[in-house]
Amino acid sequence: MKHPSWEQWLTFVSGDETSELAVHLEACGECSREVELIRRLQSAGAVGSLVSPPDALLDEIESQTASMRPVANAQTEEQVEWELADVRGAQTASPGEPVFLARSLPGVQLSVLVTAPQAERRWRLQGQVWVDRGGDRPIRVVLAHADHVLCELQTRDGDQFTIDEVSDHGWKLEIHLADDRTLVIEDPFA
């Protein structure tokens, strides 16, 4: 199944709801989750002027990662195949503005909206994890700084999570999947 681009979904969500996209949306859970995320980000003011990265940037990323070898997951010794990063666009955030981050592994997508602290050092991380064939298996979410766990919670496929926690710069968010794979997002402001 050919999925519409995020630009087409952004236009769709902004009011240009074509019947072809609406039909696809009804039939595709993956795109339904993407549209739901775009709507949430728009309501939070985090989406507006996203642009497609230049082809030259995508070519450079592909050329720099082409020679990389797969690495073994330390917990399972399973080989993880390299895939081209899902570069959807970027924008520079002003202090206090949320930053949207995404990570993926084969069959797994993570999206997190990170709001940097002001004077009180309280970070806000709002996210969602989607797992293909994940069923109802728990997903462990851990916010850590150095060797200290600041917050730990459980979520499920497609459920939203929110973490409000006081921390210095340099934290990392770990998403531990039921199949022992881990996705990591590090403090984008460090």
C-alpha atoms as a PDB file:
ATOM      1  CA  MET A   1       0.000   0.000   0.000  1.00  0.00           C
ATOM      2  CA  LYS A   2       1.411   3.406  -0.979  1.00  0.00           C
ATOM      3  CA  HIS A   3       1.030   5.860   1.879  1.00  0.00           C
ATOM      4  CA  PRO A   4       0.546   9.610   1.339  1.00  0.00           C
ATOM      5  CA  SER A   5       3.424  11.862   2.427  1.00  0.00           C
ATOM      6  CA  TRP A   6       3.264  13.808   5.677  1.00  0.00           C
ATOM      7  CA  GLU A   7       2.941  16.986   3.583  1.00  0.00           C
ATOM      8  CA  GLN A   8      -0.264  15.581   2.046  1.00  0.00           C
ATOM      9  CA  TRP A   9      -1.558  14.708   5.528  1.00  0.00           C
ATOM     10  CA  LEU A  10      -0.661  18.193   6.810  1.00  0.00           C
ATOM     11  CA  THR A  11      -2.678  19.712   3.943  1.00  0.00           C
ATOM     12  CA  PHE A  12      -5.493  17.233   4.650  1.00  0.00           C
ATOM     13  CA  VAL A  13      -5.588  18.154   8.361  1.00  0.00           C
ATOM     14  CA  SER A  14      -5.493  21.865   7.474  1.00  0.00           C
ATOM     15  CA  GLY A  15      -8.841  21.577   5.719  1.00  0.00           C
ATOM     16  CA  ASP A  16      -8.192  20.245   2.227  1.00  0.00           C
ATOM     17  CA  GLU A  17      -9.807  16.879   2.987  1.00  0.00           C
ATOM     18  CA  THR A  18      -9.895  15.065  -0.332  1.00  0.00           C
ATOM     19  CA  SER A  19     -12.077  11.974  -0.602  1.00  0.00           C
ATOM     20  CA  GLU A  20      -9.133   9.858  -1.810  1.00  0.00           C
ATOM     21  CA  LEU A  21      -7.147  10.636   1.350  1.00  0.00           C
ATOM     22  CA  ALA A  22     -10.213  10.145   3.546  1.00  0.00           C
ATOM     23  CA  VAL A  23     -10.756   6.658   2.088  1.00  0.00           C
ATOM     24  CA  HIS A  24      -7.094   5.767   2.634  1.00  0.00           C
ATOM     25  CA  LEU A  25      -7.270   7.094   6.202  1.00  0.00           C
ATOM     26  CA  GLU A  26     -10.239   4.861   7.034  1.00  0.00           C
ATOM     27  CA  ALA A  27      -8.379   1.774   5.788  1.00  0.00           C
ATOM     28  CA  CYS A  28      -4.888   2.448   7.168  1.00  0.00           C
ATOM     29  CA  GLY A  29      -4.120   2.350  10.884  1.00  0.00           C
ATOM     30  CA  GLU A  30      -0.569   3.613  10.369  1.00  0.00           C
ATOM     31  CA  CYS A  31      -1.731   6.750   8.559  1.00  0.00           C
ATOM     32  CA  SER A  32      -4.582   7.243  11.055  1.00  0.00           C
ATOM     33  CA  ARG A  33      -1.984   7.398  13.850  1.00  0.00           C
ATOM     34  CA  GLU A  34       0.145   9.845  11.835  1.00  0.00           C
ATOM     35  CA  VAL A  35      -2.838  12.131  11.195  1.00  0.00           C
ATOM     36  CA  GLU A  36      -3.795  11.938  14.883  1.00  0.00           C
ATOM     37  CA  LEU A  37      -0.252  12.984  15.822  1.00  0.00           C
ATOM     38  CA  ILE A  38      -0.282  15.880  13.317  1.00  0.00           C
ATOM     39  CA  ARG A  39      -3.589  17.098  14.782  1.00  0.00           C
ATOM     40  CA  ARG A  40      -2.185  16.885  18.329  1.00  0.00           C
ATOM     41  CA  LEU A  41       0.975  18.736  17.316  1.00  0.00           C
ATOM     42  CA  GLN A  42      -1.037  21.426  15.543  1.00  0.00           C
ATOM     43  CA  SER A  43      -3.202  21.951  18.614  1.00  0.00           C
ATOM     44  CA  ALA A  44      -0.012  22.245  20.709  1.00  0.00           C
ATOM     45  CA  GLY A  45       1.363  24.791  18.243  1.00  0.00           C
ATOM     46  CA  ALA A  46       4.296  22.543  17.302  1.00  0.00           C
ATOM     47  CA  VAL A  47       3.445  22.104  13.629  1.00  0.00           C
ATOM     48  CA  GLY A  48       3.167  24.922  11.208  1.00  0.00           C
ATOM     49  CA  SER A  49       6.113  25.596   8.988  1.00  0.00           C
ATOM     50  CA  LEU A  50       7.633  22.153   8.606  1.00  0.00           C
ATOM     51  CA  VAL A  51       9.406  21.739   5.302  1.00  0.00           C
ATOM     52  CA  SER A  52      10.740  18.741   3.444  1.00  0.00           C
ATOM     53  CA  PRO A  53      14.487  18.361   3.807  1.00  0.00           C
ATOM     54  CA  PRO A  54      16.451  19.106   0.649  1.00  0.00           C
ATOM     55  CA  ASP A  55      17.278  16.116  -1.552  1.00  0.00           C
ATOM     56  CA  ALA A  56      20.975  16.922  -1.091  1.00  0.00           C
ATOM     57  CA  LEU A  57      20.619  16.435   2.681  1.00  0.00           C
ATOM     58  CA  LEU A  58      18.873  13.096   2.221  1.00  0.00           C
ATOM     59  CA  ASP A  59      21.568  12.008  -0.263  1.00  0.00           C
ATOM     60  CA  GLU A  60      24.315  13.016   2.181  1.00  0.00           C
ATOM     61  CA  ILE A  61      22.692  11.091   5.044  1.00  0.00           C
ATOM     62  CA  GLU A  62      22.343   8.039   2.845  1.00  0.00           C
ATOM     63  CA  SER A  63      25.965   8.237   1.647  1.00  0.00           C
ATOM     64  CA  GLN A  64      27.312   8.664   5.187  1.00  0.00           C
ATOM     65  CA  THR A  65      25.292   5.750   6.575  1.00  0.00           C
ATOM     66  CA  ALA A  66      25.743   3.387   3.597  1.00  0.00           C
ATOM     67  CA  SER A  67      29.067   2.062   4.887  1.00  0.00           C
ATOM     68  CA  MET A  68      27.852   1.519   8.458  1.00  0.00           C
ATOM     69  CA  ARG A  69      27.566  -2.048   9.580  1.00  0.00           C
ATOM     70  CA  PRO A  70      24.647  -3.423  11.586  1.00  0.00           C
ATOM     71  CA  VAL A  71      25.190  -3.457  15.338  1.00  0.00           C
ATOM     72  CA  ALA A  72      24.160  -6.081  17.836  1.00  0.00           C
ATOM     73  CA  ASN A  73      21.603  -5.285  20.497  1.00  0.00           C
ATOM     74  CA  ALA A  74      23.559  -5.795  23.724  1.00  0.00           C
ATOM     75  CA  GLN A  75      20.637  -7.540  25.416  1.00  0.00           C
ATOM     76  CA  THR A  76      19.662  -9.968  22.656  1.00  0.00           C
ATOM     77  CA  GLU A  77      22.745 -10.086  20.408  1.00  0.00           C
ATOM     78  CA  GLU A  78      20.210  -9.708  17.587  1.00  0.00           C
ATOM     79  CA  GLN A  79      21.534  -7.955  14.484  1.00  0.00           C
ATOM     80  CA  VAL A  80      19.676  -4.727  13.758  1.00  0.00           C
ATOM     81  CA  GLU A  81      19.665  -3.791  10.074  1.00  0.00           C
ATOM     82  CA  TRP A  82      20.333  -0.174   9.133  1.00  0.00           C
ATOM     83  CA  GLU A  83      17.559   1.793   7.521  1.00  0.00           C
ATOM     84  CA  LEU A  84      17.658   5.318   6.184  1.00  0.00           C
ATOM     85  CA  ALA A  85      16.563   7.671   8.930  1.00  0.00           C
ATOM     86  CA  ASP A  86      12.998   8.920   8.697  1.00  0.00           C
ATOM     87  CA  VAL A  87      13.821  12.596   8.157  1.00  0.00           C
ATOM     88  CA  ARG A  88      10.485  14.411   8.120  1.00  0.00           C
ATOM     89  CA  GLY A  89      11.645  17.983   8.509  1.00  0.00           C
ATOM     90  CA  ALA A  90      13.008  20.280  11.135  1.00  0.00           C
ATOM     91  CA  GLN A  91      12.808  23.725  12.540  1.00  0.00           C
ATOM     92  CA  THR A  92      14.752  25.610  15.171  1.00  0.00           C
ATOM     93  CA  ALA A  93      12.936  26.062  18.450  1.00  0.00           C
ATOM     94  CA  SER A  94      13.138  29.223  20.497  1.00  0.00           C
ATOM     95  CA  PRO A  95      13.608  28.823  24.243  1.00  0.00           C
ATOM     96  CA  GLY A  96      10.415  27.480  25.785  1.00  0.00           C
ATOM     97  CA  GLU A  97       9.040  26.185  22.478  1.00  0.00           C
ATOM     98  CA  PRO A  98       8.464  22.438  22.223  1.00  0.00           C
ATOM     99  CA  VAL A  99      10.654  20.324  19.944  1.00  0.00           C
ATOM    100  CA  PHE A 100       9.269  17.302  18.091  1.00  0.00           C
ATOM    101  CA  LEU A 101      11.565  14.257  17.994  1.00  0.00           C
ATOM    102  CA  ALA A 102      11.029  10.870  16.331  1.00  0.00           C
ATOM    103  CA  ARG A 103      12.896   7.574  16.331  1.00  0.00           C
ATOM    104  CA  SER A 104      12.175   4.294  14.620  1.00  0.00           C
ATOM    105  CA  LEU A 105      13.277   0.706  14.374  1.00  0.00           C
ATOM    106  CA  PRO A 106      11.795  -1.841  12.008  1.00  0.00           C
ATOM    107  CA  GLY A 107       8.162  -2.154  13.077  1.00  0.00           C
ATOM    108  CA  VAL A 108       8.395   0.537  15.791  1.00  0.00           C
ATOM    109  CA  GLN A 109       7.826   4.301  15.765  1.00  0.00           C
ATOM    110  CA  LEU A 110       8.338   6.749  18.624  1.00  0.00           C
ATOM    111  CA  SER A 111       7.280  10.396  18.589  1.00  0.00           C
ATOM    112  CA  VAL A 112       7.992  12.753  21.485  1.00  0.00           C
ATOM    113  CA  LEU A 113       7.190  16.414  22.007  1.00  0.00           C
ATOM    114  CA  VAL A 114       9.854  17.853  24.353  1.00  0.00           C
ATOM    115  CA  THR A 115       9.302  21.146  26.171  1.00  0.00           C
ATOM    116  CA  ALA A 116      12.463  22.517  27.784  1.00  0.00           C
ATOM    117  CA  PRO A 117      12.226  23.925  31.281  1.00  0.00           C
ATOM    118  CA  GLN A 118      12.237  27.547  32.158  1.00  0.00           C
ATOM    119  CA  ALA A 119      13.564  28.582  35.595  1.00  0.00           C
ATOM    120  CA  GLU A 120      12.070  25.629  37.508  1.00  0.00           C
ATOM    121  CA  ARG A 121      14.061  22.956  35.554  1.00  0.00           C
ATOM    122  CA  ARG A 122      10.857  20.932  34.920  1.00  0.00           C
ATOM    123  CA  TRP A 123      10.897  19.067  31.607  1.00  0.00           C
ATOM    124  CA  ARG A 124       7.695  17.970  29.886  1.00  0.00           C
ATOM    125  CA  LEU A 125       7.834  14.996  27.521  1.00  0.00           C
ATOM    126  CA  GLN A 126       4.652  13.950  25.715  1.00  0.00           C
ATOM    127  CA  GLY A 127       4.912  10.940  23.486  1.00  0.00           C
ATOM    128  CA  GLN A 128       3.438   7.938  21.790  1.00  0.00           C
ATOM    129  CA  VAL A 129       4.860   4.573  20.696  1.00  0.00           C
ATOM    130  CA  TRP A 130       3.471   2.486  17.840  1.00  0.00           C
ATOM    131  CA  VAL A 131       4.495  -1.143  17.495  1.00  0.00           C
ATOM    132  CA  ASP A 132       3.560  -3.283  14.485  1.00  0.00           C
ATOM    133  CA  ARG A 133       2.096  -6.525  15.766  1.00  0.00           C
ATOM    134  CA  GLY A 134       2.629  -5.230  19.317  1.00  0.00           C
ATOM    135  CA  GLY A 135      -0.719  -6.374  20.584  1.00  0.00           C
ATOM    136  CA  ASP A 136      -1.385  -5.443  24.166  1.00  0.00           C
ATOM    137  CA  ARG A 137       2.141  -6.023  25.464  1.00  0.00           C
ATOM    138  CA  PRO A 138       3.450  -3.407  27.918  1.00  0.00           C
ATOM    139  CA  ILE A 139       6.096  -0.894  26.884  1.00  0.00           C
ATOM    140  CA  ARG A 140       8.363   0.464  29.643  1.00  0.00           C
ATOM    141  CA  VAL A 141       9.269   4.170  29.475  1.00  0.00           C
ATOM    142  CA  VAL A 142      12.260   5.348  31.538  1.00  0.00           C
ATOM    143  CA  LEU A 143      13.572   8.902  31.972  1.00  0.00           C
ATOM    144  CA  ALA A 144      17.116   8.809  33.354  1.00  0.00           C
ATOM    145  CA  HIS A 145      19.939  11.206  34.093  1.00  0.00           C
ATOM    146  CA  ALA A 146      23.426   9.703  34.377  1.00  0.00           C
ATOM    147  CA  ASP A 147      22.900   6.531  36.458  1.00  0.00           C
ATOM    148  CA  HIS A 148      19.682   7.747  38.113  1.00  0.00           C
ATOM    149  CA  VAL A 149      16.153   6.802  37.062  1.00  0.00           C
ATOM    150  CA  LEU A 150      14.015   9.924  37.378  1.00  0.00           C
ATOM    151  CA  CYS A 151      10.730   8.425  36.215  1.00  0.00           C
ATOM    152  CA  GLU A 152       9.511   5.035  35.052  1.00  0.00           C
ATOM    153  CA  LEU A 153       6.075   4.184  33.680  1.00  0.00           C
ATOM    154  CA  GLN A 154       4.329   1.678  31.451  1.00  0.00           C
ATOM    155  CA  THR A 155       2.334   2.401  28.330  1.00  0.00           C
ATOM    156  CA  ARG A 156       0.861   0.330  25.511  1.00  0.00           C
ATOM    157  CA  ASP A 157       0.918   0.461  21.715  1.00  0.00           C
ATOM    158  CA  GLY A 158      -0.647   3.708  20.516  1.00  0.00           C
ATOM    159  CA  ASP A 159      -1.304   5.097  24.020  1.00  0.00           C
ATOM    160  CA  GLN A 160       0.005   8.533  24.890  1.00  0.00           C
ATOM    161  CA  PHE A 161       2.334   9.155  27.810  1.00  0.00           C
ATOM    162  CA  THR A 162       3.362  12.349  29.608  1.00  0.00           C
ATOM    163  CA  ILE A 163       6.326  12.896  31.893  1.00  0.00           C
ATOM    164  CA  ASP A 164       6.783  16.087  33.939  1.00  0.00           C
ATOM    165  CA  GLU A 165      10.088  15.851  35.763  1.00  0.00           C
ATOM    166  CA  VAL A 166      12.772  18.100  37.226  1.00  0.00           C
ATOM    167  CA  SER A 167      16.198  17.380  35.751  1.00  0.00           C
ATOM    168  CA  ASP A 168      19.415  18.996  34.639  1.00  0.00           C
ATOM    169  CA  HIS A 169      20.401  18.873  30.973  1.00  0.00           C
ATOM    170  CA  GLY A 170      21.768  15.560  29.721  1.00  0.00           C
ATOM    171  CA  TRP A 171      18.790  13.259  30.402  1.00  0.00           C
ATOM    172  CA  LYS A 172      17.808  10.368  28.154  1.00  0.00           C
ATOM    173  CA  LEU A 173      14.435   8.784  27.458  1.00  0.00           C
ATOM    174  CA  GLU A 174      14.513   5.007  26.996  1.00  0.00           C
ATOM    175  CA  ILE A 175      11.644   3.040  25.474  1.00  0.00           C
ATOM    176  CA  HIS A 176      11.999  -0.647  26.407  1.00  0.00           C
ATOM    177  CA  LEU A 177       9.902  -2.887  24.146  1.00  0.00           C
ATOM    178  CA  ALA A 178       8.529  -6.293  25.092  1.00  0.00           C
ATOM    179  CA  ASP A 179      10.910  -7.955  22.575  1.00  0.00           C
ATOM    180  CA  ASP A 180      13.965  -6.492  24.437  1.00  0.00           C
ATOM    181  CA  ARG A 181      14.708  -3.778  21.861  1.00  0.00           C
ATOM    182  CA  THR A 182      15.258  -0.241  23.164  1.00  0.00           C
ATOM    183  CA  LEU A 183      14.747   3.152  21.541  1.00  0.00           C
ATOM    184  CA  VAL A 184      16.647   6.086  23.089  1.00  0.00           C
ATOM    185  CA  ILE A 185      16.130   9.834  22.776  1.00  0.00           C
ATOM    186  CA  GLU A 186      18.688  12.123  24.386  1.00  0.00           C
ATOM    187  CA  ASP A 187      18.189  15.669  25.624  1.00  0.00           C
ATOM    188  CA  PRO A 188      18.048  17.727  22.384  1.00  0.00           C
ATOM    189  CA  PHE A 189      19.101  20.874  24.255  1.00  0.00           C
ATOM    190  CA  ALA A 190      22.253  19.438  25.862  1.00  0.00           C
END
